[in-house]
PDB file of N, CA and C in Angstrom:
ATOM      1  N   MET A   1      -1.662  15.559   2.756  1.00  0.00           N
ATOM      2  CA  MET A   1      -0.674  13.305   2.433  1.00  0.00           C
ATOM      3  C   MET A   1      -1.381  12.119   4.240  1.00  0.00           C
ATOM      4  N   LYS A   2      -2.450  13.157   5.171  1.00  0.00           N
ATOM      5  CA  LYS A   2      -3.396  11.929   5.707  1.00  0.00           C
ATOM      6  C   LYS A   2      -3.943  11.973   4.935  1.00  0.00           C
ATOM      7  N   SER A   3      -4.521  13.079   4.400  1.00  0.00           N
ATOM      8  CA  SER A   3      -5.961  11.948   3.325  1.00  0.00           C
ATOM      9  C   SER A   3      -5.234  10.940   3.238  1.00  0.00           C
ATOM     10  N   PHE A   4      -4.499  10.526   1.992  1.00  0.00           N
ATOM     11  CA  PHE A   4      -3.586   9.491   1.171  1.00  0.00           C
ATOM     12  C   PHE A   4      -4.159   8.599   2.263  1.00  0.00           C
ATOM     13  N   PHE A   5      -3.369   8.430   3.206  1.00  0.00           N
ATOM     14  CA  PHE A   5      -3.040   7.021   4.457  1.00  0.00           C
ATOM     15  C   PHE A   5      -4.370   6.982   4.456  1.00  0.00           C
ATOM     16  N   ASN A   6      -5.468   8.183   4.596  1.00  0.00           N
ATOM     17  CA  ASN A   6      -6.913   8.342   5.087  1.00  0.00           C
ATOM     18  C   ASN A   6      -7.755   6.397   4.214  1.00  0.00           C
ATOM     19  N   ALA A   7      -7.180   7.590   2.629  1.00  0.00           N
ATOM     20  CA  ALA A   7      -7.435   7.312   1.644  1.00  0.00           C
ATOM     21  C   ALA A   7      -7.151   5.618   1.460  1.00  0.00           C
ATOM     22  N   VAL A   8      -5.866   5.216   1.574  1.00  0.00           N
ATOM     23  CA  VAL A   8      -6.055   4.489   2.255  1.00  0.00           C
ATOM     24  C   VAL A   8      -5.829   2.308   2.228  1.00  0.00           C
ATOM     25  N   ALA A   9      -6.173   3.841   3.679  1.00  0.00           N
ATOM     26  CA  ALA A   9      -7.183   2.435   4.141  1.00  0.00           C
ATOM     27  C   ALA A   9      -8.143   2.514   4.647  1.00  0.00           C
ATOM     28  N   LEU A  10      -8.545   3.777   4.287  1.00  0.00           N
ATOM     29  CA  LEU A  10      -9.912   3.588   3.671  1.00  0.00           C
ATOM     30  C   LEU A  10     -10.808   2.767   2.771  1.00  0.00           C
ATOM     31  N   LEU A  11      -9.501   2.061   1.424  1.00  0.00           N
ATOM     32  CA  LEU A  11      -9.892   1.608   0.407  1.00  0.00           C
ATOM     33  C   LEU A  11      -9.235   0.293   0.583  1.00  0.00           C
ATOM     34  N   LEU A  12      -8.195  -0.486   1.874  1.00  0.00           N
ATOM     35  CA  LEU A  12      -8.149  -1.471   2.413  1.00  0.00           C
ATOM     36  C   LEU A  12      -9.463  -2.792   2.750  1.00  0.00           C
ATOM     37  N   ALA A  13      -9.811  -0.934   3.042  1.00  0.00           N
ATOM     38  CA  ALA A  13     -11.344  -1.555   4.825  1.00  0.00           C
ATOM     39  C   ALA A  13     -12.237  -1.627   3.687  1.00  0.00           C
ATOM     40  N   ILE A  14     -13.010  -1.070   2.617  1.00  0.00           N
ATOM     41  CA  ILE A  14     -14.194  -1.763   1.600  1.00  0.00           C
ATOM     42  C   ILE A  14     -13.328  -2.361   0.365  1.00  0.00           C
ATOM     43  N   GLY A  15     -12.443  -1.770  -0.175  1.00  0.00           N
ATOM     44  CA  GLY A  15     -12.465  -2.162  -1.347  1.00  0.00           C
ATOM     45  C   GLY A  15     -12.620  -1.358  -2.240  1.00  0.00           C
ATOM     46  N   SER A  16     -12.455   0.229  -2.770  1.00  0.00           N
ATOM     47  CA  SER A  16     -13.465   0.420  -3.881  1.00  0.00           C
ATOM     48  C   SER A  16     -12.520   0.874  -4.390  1.00  0.00           C
ATOM     49  N   THR A  17     -13.661   0.103  -5.635  1.00  0.00           N
ATOM     50  CA  THR A  17     -12.361  -0.195  -6.697  1.00  0.00           C
ATOM     51  C   THR A  17     -13.225   1.417  -7.682  1.00  0.00           C
ATOM     52  N   ALA A  18     -13.264   2.261  -7.340  1.00  0.00           N
ATOM     53  CA  ALA A  18     -13.480   4.040  -7.684  1.00  0.00           C
ATOM     54  C   ALA A  18     -12.917   4.993  -6.703  1.00  0.00           C
ATOM     55  N   ALA A  19     -12.713   3.259  -5.958  1.00  0.00           N
ATOM     56  CA  ALA A  19     -11.590   5.475  -5.213  1.00  0.00           C
ATOM     57  C   ALA A  19     -10.245   4.565  -5.333  1.00  0.00           C
ATOM     58  N   LEU A  20     -10.627   3.771  -6.384  1.00  0.00           N
ATOM     59  CA  LEU A  20      -9.286   2.909  -6.738  1.00  0.00           C
ATOM     60  C   LEU A  20      -8.095   4.212  -7.621  1.00  0.00           C
ATOM     61  N   ALA A  21      -9.460   3.480  -8.548  1.00  0.00           N
ATOM     62  CA  ALA A  21      -8.941   4.268  -9.330  1.00  0.00           C
ATOM     63  C   ALA A  21      -8.683   5.824 -10.238  1.00  0.00           C
ATOM     64  N   ALA A  22      -9.279   5.946  -8.531  1.00  0.00           N
ATOM     65  CA  ALA A  22      -9.119   7.765  -8.246  1.00  0.00           C
ATOM     66  C   ALA A  22      -7.659   8.333  -8.138  1.00  0.00           C
ATOM     67  N   ASP A  23      -7.542   7.276  -6.648  1.00  0.00           N
ATOM     68  CA  ASP A  23      -5.552   7.619  -5.667  1.00  0.00           C
ATOM     69  C   ASP A  23      -4.895   6.857  -6.441  1.00  0.00           C
ATOM     70  N   ALA A  24      -4.314   5.850  -7.981  1.00  0.00           N
ATOM     71  CA  ALA A  24      -3.304   5.319  -8.630  1.00  0.00           C
ATOM     72  C   ALA A  24      -2.389   5.935  -8.466  1.00  0.00           C
ATOM     73  N   ALA A  25      -2.708   6.503  -9.253  1.00  0.00           N
ATOM     74  CA  ALA A  25      -1.952   7.590  -9.353  1.00  0.00           C
ATOM     75  C   ALA A  25      -0.126   8.835  -8.252  1.00  0.00           C
ATOM     76  N   GLU A  26      -1.721   8.388  -7.033  1.00  0.00           N
ATOM     77  CA  GLU A  26      -1.336   9.013  -5.683  1.00  0.00           C
ATOM     78  C   GLU A  26      -0.814   7.756  -4.837  1.00  0.00           C
ATOM     79  N   ILE A  27      -0.629   6.897  -4.878  1.00  0.00           N
ATOM     80  CA  ILE A  27      -0.802   5.801  -3.935  1.00  0.00           C
ATOM     81  C   ILE A  27       0.505   4.615  -5.456  1.00  0.00           C
ATOM     82  N   ASP A  28       0.283   4.405  -6.279  1.00  0.00           N
ATOM     83  CA  ASP A  28       1.995   4.795  -7.080  1.00  0.00           C
ATOM     84  C   ASP A  28       3.048   5.555  -6.528  1.00  0.00           C
ATOM     85  N   SER A  29       3.385   6.605  -6.435  1.00  0.00           N
ATOM     86  CA  SER A  29       4.195   7.657  -6.214  1.00  0.00           C
ATOM     87  C   SER A  29       3.962   7.813  -4.439  1.00  0.00           C
ATOM     88  N   HIS A  30       3.318   7.449  -4.028  1.00  0.00           N
ATOM     89  CA  HIS A  30       3.458   7.433  -2.646  1.00  0.00           C
ATOM     90  C   HIS A  30       4.797   5.536  -2.764  1.00  0.00           C
ATOM     91  N   PHE A  31       4.071   4.494  -2.541  1.00  0.00           N
ATOM     92  CA  PHE A  31       4.605   3.303  -2.869  1.00  0.00           C
ATOM     93  C   PHE A  31       5.769   3.420  -3.195  1.00  0.00           C
ATOM     94  N   LYS A  32       7.356   4.354  -4.816  1.00  0.00           N
ATOM     95  CA  LYS A  32       7.982   4.428  -4.404  1.00  0.00           C
ATOM     96  C   LYS A  32       8.253   5.064  -3.914  1.00  0.00           C
ATOM     97  N   ALA A  33       7.992   6.625  -3.486  1.00  0.00           N
ATOM     98  CA  ALA A  33       9.059   6.773  -2.358  1.00  0.00           C
ATOM     99  C   ALA A  33       9.005   6.016  -0.268  1.00  0.00           C
ATOM    100  N   ALA A  34       8.343   5.308  -1.278  1.00  0.00           N
ATOM    101  CA  ALA A  34       8.352   4.700   0.298  1.00  0.00           C
ATOM    102  C   ALA A  34       9.523   3.578   0.388  1.00  0.00           C
ATOM    103  N   ASP A  35       9.696   3.397  -1.033  1.00  0.00           N
ATOM    104  CA  ASP A  35       9.856   1.955  -1.682  1.00  0.00           C
ATOM    105  C   ASP A  35      12.048   2.633  -2.423  1.00  0.00           C
ATOM    106  N   LYS A  36      12.135   2.159  -0.443  1.00  0.00           N
ATOM    107  CA  LYS A  36      13.597   3.394  -0.966  1.00  0.00           C
ATOM    108  C   LYS A  36      14.954   2.816  -0.886  1.00  0.00           C
ATOM    109  N   ASN A  37      15.405   1.479  -1.625  1.00  0.00           N
ATOM    110  CA  ASN A  37      16.115   1.642  -2.337  1.00  0.00           C
ATOM    111  C   ASN A  37      15.653   0.753  -4.258  1.00  0.00           C
ATOM    112  N   GLY A  38      14.317   0.694  -4.146  1.00  0.00           N
ATOM    113  CA  GLY A  38      13.880   1.175  -5.326  1.00  0.00           C
ATOM    114  C   GLY A  38      14.016  -0.421  -6.398  1.00  0.00           C
ATOM    115  N   ASP A  39      13.508  -0.681  -5.368  1.00  0.00           N
ATOM    116  CA  ASP A  39      13.568  -2.680  -5.739  1.00  0.00           C
ATOM    117  C   ASP A  39      11.914  -3.105  -6.480  1.00  0.00           C
ATOM    118  N   GLY A  40      11.464  -2.116  -5.844  1.00  0.00           N
ATOM    119  CA  GLY A  40      10.020  -2.720  -6.718  1.00  0.00           C
ATOM    120  C   GLY A  40       9.490  -3.123  -5.465  1.00  0.00           C
ATOM    121  N   LYS A  41       9.515  -3.735  -3.993  1.00  0.00           N
ATOM    122  CA  LYS A  41       9.797  -4.262  -2.657  1.00  0.00           C
ATOM    123  C   LYS A  41       9.518  -2.923  -1.623  1.00  0.00           C
ATOM    124  N   LEU A  42       8.362  -3.295  -1.104  1.00  0.00           N
ATOM    125  CA  LEU A  42       7.700  -2.426   0.420  1.00  0.00           C
ATOM    126  C   LEU A  42       8.291  -2.978   1.347  1.00  0.00           C
ATOM    127  N   THR A  43       9.855  -3.483   2.358  1.00  0.00           N
ATOM    128  CA  THR A  43       9.731  -3.726   3.464  1.00  0.00           C
ATOM    129  C   THR A  43       8.392  -3.801   4.363  1.00  0.00           C
ATOM    130  N   LEU A  44       8.951  -4.292   5.460  1.00  0.00           N
ATOM    131  CA  LEU A  44       7.890  -3.715   6.322  1.00  0.00           C
ATOM    132  C   LEU A  44       8.543  -2.378   7.117  1.00  0.00           C
ATOM    133  N   ASP A  45       9.302  -2.877   7.117  1.00  0.00           N
ATOM    134  CA  ASP A  45      10.343  -1.144   7.844  1.00  0.00           C
ATOM    135  C   ASP A  45      10.061  -0.110   6.378  1.00  0.00           C
ATOM    136  N   GLU A  46      10.604  -0.937   5.593  1.00  0.00           N
ATOM    137  CA  GLU A  46      10.072   0.410   4.205  1.00  0.00           C
ATOM    138  C   GLU A  46       8.630   1.096   5.142  1.00  0.00           C
ATOM    139  N   ALA A  47       7.116   0.790   5.174  1.00  0.00           N
ATOM    140  CA  ALA A  47       5.980   0.440   5.228  1.00  0.00           C
ATOM    141  C   ALA A  47       5.967   1.835   6.077  1.00  0.00           C
ATOM    142  N   LYS A  48       6.894   1.194   7.010  1.00  0.00           N
ATOM    143  CA  LYS A  48       6.163   1.319   8.918  1.00  0.00           C
ATOM    144  C   LYS A  48       6.904   2.630   8.478  1.00  0.00           C
ATOM    145  N   ALA A  49       8.314   3.264   8.133  1.00  0.00           N
ATOM    146  CA  ALA A  49       8.312   4.330   7.831  1.00  0.00           C
ATOM    147  C   ALA A  49       8.290   5.309   6.756  1.00  0.00           C
ATOM    148  N   GLY A  50       7.031   5.104   5.683  1.00  0.00           N
ATOM    149  CA  GLY A  50       6.475   5.432   4.817  1.00  0.00           C
ATOM    150  C   GLY A  50       5.519   5.986   4.075  1.00  0.00           C
ATOM    151  N   MET A  51       4.877   4.280   4.887  1.00  0.00           N
ATOM    152  CA  MET A  51       3.357   4.122   4.465  1.00  0.00           C
ATOM    153  C   MET A  51       2.564   3.342   5.706  1.00  0.00           C
ATOM    154  N   PRO A  52       3.170   4.086   6.934  1.00  0.00           N
ATOM    155  CA  PRO A  52       2.819   3.822   8.508  1.00  0.00           C
ATOM    156  C   PRO A  52       0.639   2.916   8.375  1.00  0.00           C
ATOM    157  N   ARG A  53      -0.064   3.117   7.219  1.00  0.00           N
ATOM    158  CA  ARG A  53      -1.004   2.727   7.378  1.00  0.00           C
ATOM    159  C   ARG A  53      -1.127   1.091   6.790  1.00  0.00           C
ATOM    160  N   VAL A  54       0.024   1.194   5.680  1.00  0.00           N
ATOM    161  CA  VAL A  54      -0.384   0.118   4.792  1.00  0.00           C
ATOM    162  C   VAL A  54       0.665  -0.622   5.536  1.00  0.00           C
ATOM    163  N   ALA A  55       1.615  -0.086   7.188  1.00  0.00           N
ATOM    164  CA  ALA A  55       2.614  -1.431   7.704  1.00  0.00           C
ATOM    165  C   ALA A  55       1.431  -1.746   8.616  1.00  0.00           C
ATOM    166  N   LYS A  56       0.392  -1.482   8.858  1.00  0.00           N
ATOM    167  CA  LYS A  56      -1.030  -1.891  10.135  1.00  0.00           C
ATOM    168  C   LYS A  56      -1.649  -2.957   9.719  1.00  0.00           C
ATOM    169  N   VAL A  57      -1.792  -3.352   8.302  1.00  0.00           N
ATOM    170  CA  VAL A  57      -2.405  -4.232   7.438  1.00  0.00           C
ATOM    171  C   VAL A  57      -1.435  -5.080   6.363  1.00  0.00           C
ATOM    172  N   PHE A  58       0.357  -4.786   6.856  1.00  0.00           N
ATOM    173  CA  PHE A  58       1.085  -5.820   5.979  1.00  0.00           C
ATOM    174  C   PHE A  58       1.366  -7.136   6.144  1.00  0.00           C
ATOM    175  N   ASP A  59       0.392  -7.296   6.454  1.00  0.00           N
ATOM    176  CA  ASP A  59       0.600  -9.228   6.859  1.00  0.00           C
ATOM    177  C   ASP A  59      -0.542  -9.718   6.122  1.00  0.00           C
ATOM    178  N   LYS A  60      -1.581  -8.895   5.944  1.00  0.00           N
ATOM    179  CA  LYS A  60      -2.562  -9.104   5.289  1.00  0.00           C
ATOM    180  C   LYS A  60      -2.671  -8.639   3.887  1.00  0.00           C
ATOM    181  N   ILE A  61      -2.089  -8.111   3.199  1.00  0.00           N
ATOM    182  CA  ILE A  61      -1.304  -8.288   1.761  1.00  0.00           C
ATOM    183  C   ILE A  61      -0.242  -8.969   1.184  1.00  0.00           C
ATOM    184  N   ASP A  62       0.365  -8.733   2.707  1.00  0.00           N
ATOM    185  CA  ASP A  62       1.860 -10.069   3.049  1.00  0.00           C
ATOM    186  C   ASP A  62       1.621 -11.621   2.980  1.00  0.00           C
ATOM    187  N   THR A  63       0.711 -11.903   2.074  1.00  0.00           N
ATOM    188  CA  THR A  63      -0.446 -13.852   2.030  1.00  0.00           C
ATOM    189  C   THR A  63       0.811 -14.522   1.969  1.00  0.00           C
ATOM    190  N   GLU A  64       1.734 -14.521   1.129  1.00  0.00           N
ATOM    191  CA  GLU A  64       2.768 -15.115   1.087  1.00  0.00           C
ATOM    192  C   GLU A  64       3.994 -15.578   2.477  1.00  0.00           C
ATOM    193  N   LYS A  65       3.628 -14.066   2.449  1.00  0.00           N
ATOM    194  CA  LYS A  65       4.814 -14.570   3.736  1.00  0.00           C
ATOM    195  C   LYS A  65       5.928 -14.086   4.144  1.00  0.00           C
ATOM    196  N   LYS A  66       6.543 -13.150   3.086  1.00  0.00           N
ATOM    197  CA  LYS A  66       7.961 -12.835   1.611  1.00  0.00           C
ATOM    198  C   LYS A  66       8.775 -11.851   2.311  1.00  0.00           C
ATOM    199  N   GLY A  67       8.251 -10.606   3.087  1.00  0.00           N
ATOM    200  CA  GLY A  67       8.401 -10.961   3.950  1.00  0.00           C
ATOM    201  C   GLY A  67       8.475  -9.298   2.748  1.00  0.00           C
ATOM    202  N   TYR A  68       8.182  -9.060   1.866  1.00  0.00           N
ATOM    203  CA  TYR A  68       7.449  -8.050   1.293  1.00  0.00           C
ATOM    204  C   TYR A  68       6.615  -7.509   0.348  1.00  0.00           C
ATOM    205  N   ILE A  69       6.365  -6.595   0.213  1.00  0.00           N
ATOM    206  CA  ILE A  69       4.467  -6.446  -0.696  1.00  0.00           C
ATOM    207  C   ILE A  69       5.566  -5.268  -1.965  1.00  0.00           C
ATOM    208  N   THR A  70       4.816  -6.260  -2.797  1.00  0.00           N
ATOM    209  CA  THR A  70       4.510  -5.327  -4.268  1.00  0.00           C
ATOM    210  C   THR A  70       3.417  -4.334  -4.112  1.00  0.00           C
ATOM    211  N   LEU A  71       3.647  -3.146  -5.035  1.00  0.00           N
ATOM    212  CA  LEU A  71       1.962  -2.188  -6.027  1.00  0.00           C
ATOM    213  C   LEU A  71       1.591  -3.146  -5.940  1.00  0.00           C
ATOM    214  N   ASP A  72       2.123  -4.750  -6.632  1.00  0.00           N
ATOM    215  CA  ASP A  72       0.203  -4.888  -7.427  1.00  0.00           C
ATOM    216  C   ASP A  72      -0.313  -4.968  -6.371  1.00  0.00           C
ATOM    217  N   GLN A  73      -0.063  -6.407  -5.239  1.00  0.00           N
ATOM    218  CA  GLN A  73      -0.049  -7.267  -4.390  1.00  0.00           C
ATOM    219  C   GLN A  73      -1.008  -5.257  -3.704  1.00  0.00           C
ATOM    220  N   LEU A  74      -0.157  -4.795  -3.451  1.00  0.00           N
ATOM    221  CA  LEU A  74      -1.122  -3.810  -2.479  1.00  0.00           C
ATOM    222  C   LEU A  74      -2.540  -3.338  -3.282  1.00  0.00           C
ATOM    223  N   LYS A  75      -2.233  -2.903  -4.791  1.00  0.00           N
ATOM    224  CA  LYS A  75      -3.527  -2.969  -4.841  1.00  0.00           C
ATOM    225  C   LYS A  75      -4.412  -3.029  -5.454  1.00  0.00           C
ATOM    226  N   ALA A  76      -3.972  -4.677  -5.935  1.00  0.00           N
ATOM    227  CA  ALA A  76      -5.210  -5.785  -5.645  1.00  0.00           C
ATOM    228  C   ALA A  76      -6.060  -6.569  -3.624  1.00  0.00           C
ATOM    229  N   LYS A  77      -4.810  -5.987  -3.042  1.00  0.00           N
ATOM    230  CA  LYS A  77      -5.112  -5.911  -1.326  1.00  0.00           C
ATOM    231  C   LYS A  77      -6.824  -4.649  -1.397  1.00  0.00           C
ATOM    232  N   ALA A  78      -6.326  -3.748  -1.917  1.00  0.00           N
ATOM    233  CA  ALA A  78      -7.700  -2.886  -1.829  1.00  0.00           C
ATOM    234  C   ALA A  78      -8.335  -2.378  -2.675  1.00  0.00           C
ATOM    235  N   MET A  79      -8.841  -4.066  -4.383  1.00  0.00           N
ATOM    236  CA  MET A  79      -9.746  -4.121  -4.771  1.00  0.00           C
ATOM    237  C   MET A  79     -10.514  -4.719  -3.874  1.00  0.00           C
ATOM    238  N   HIS A  80      -9.928  -5.267  -2.823  1.00  0.00           N
ATOM    239  CA  HIS A  80     -11.024  -6.794  -2.446  1.00  0.00           C
ATOM    240  C   HIS A  80     -11.440  -6.089  -1.456  1.00  0.00           C
TER     241      HIS A  80
END
């Protein structure tokens, strides 16, 4: 589990598309597990509880300030 969060943090920091492709299924799985109500959106509270490293950069992902992020947004941010 710790290695997953390290991978996400690294992806967010350096935007490695090759690493993202390798970890995409794991990211999908962890995002879905953290999305407690299953609406396809991760709130800051859900991120804090299930993806704490993502929570630390939540505002950088939620650029439109909607109060949630989607899996696509997380992946897009990781690739940049």
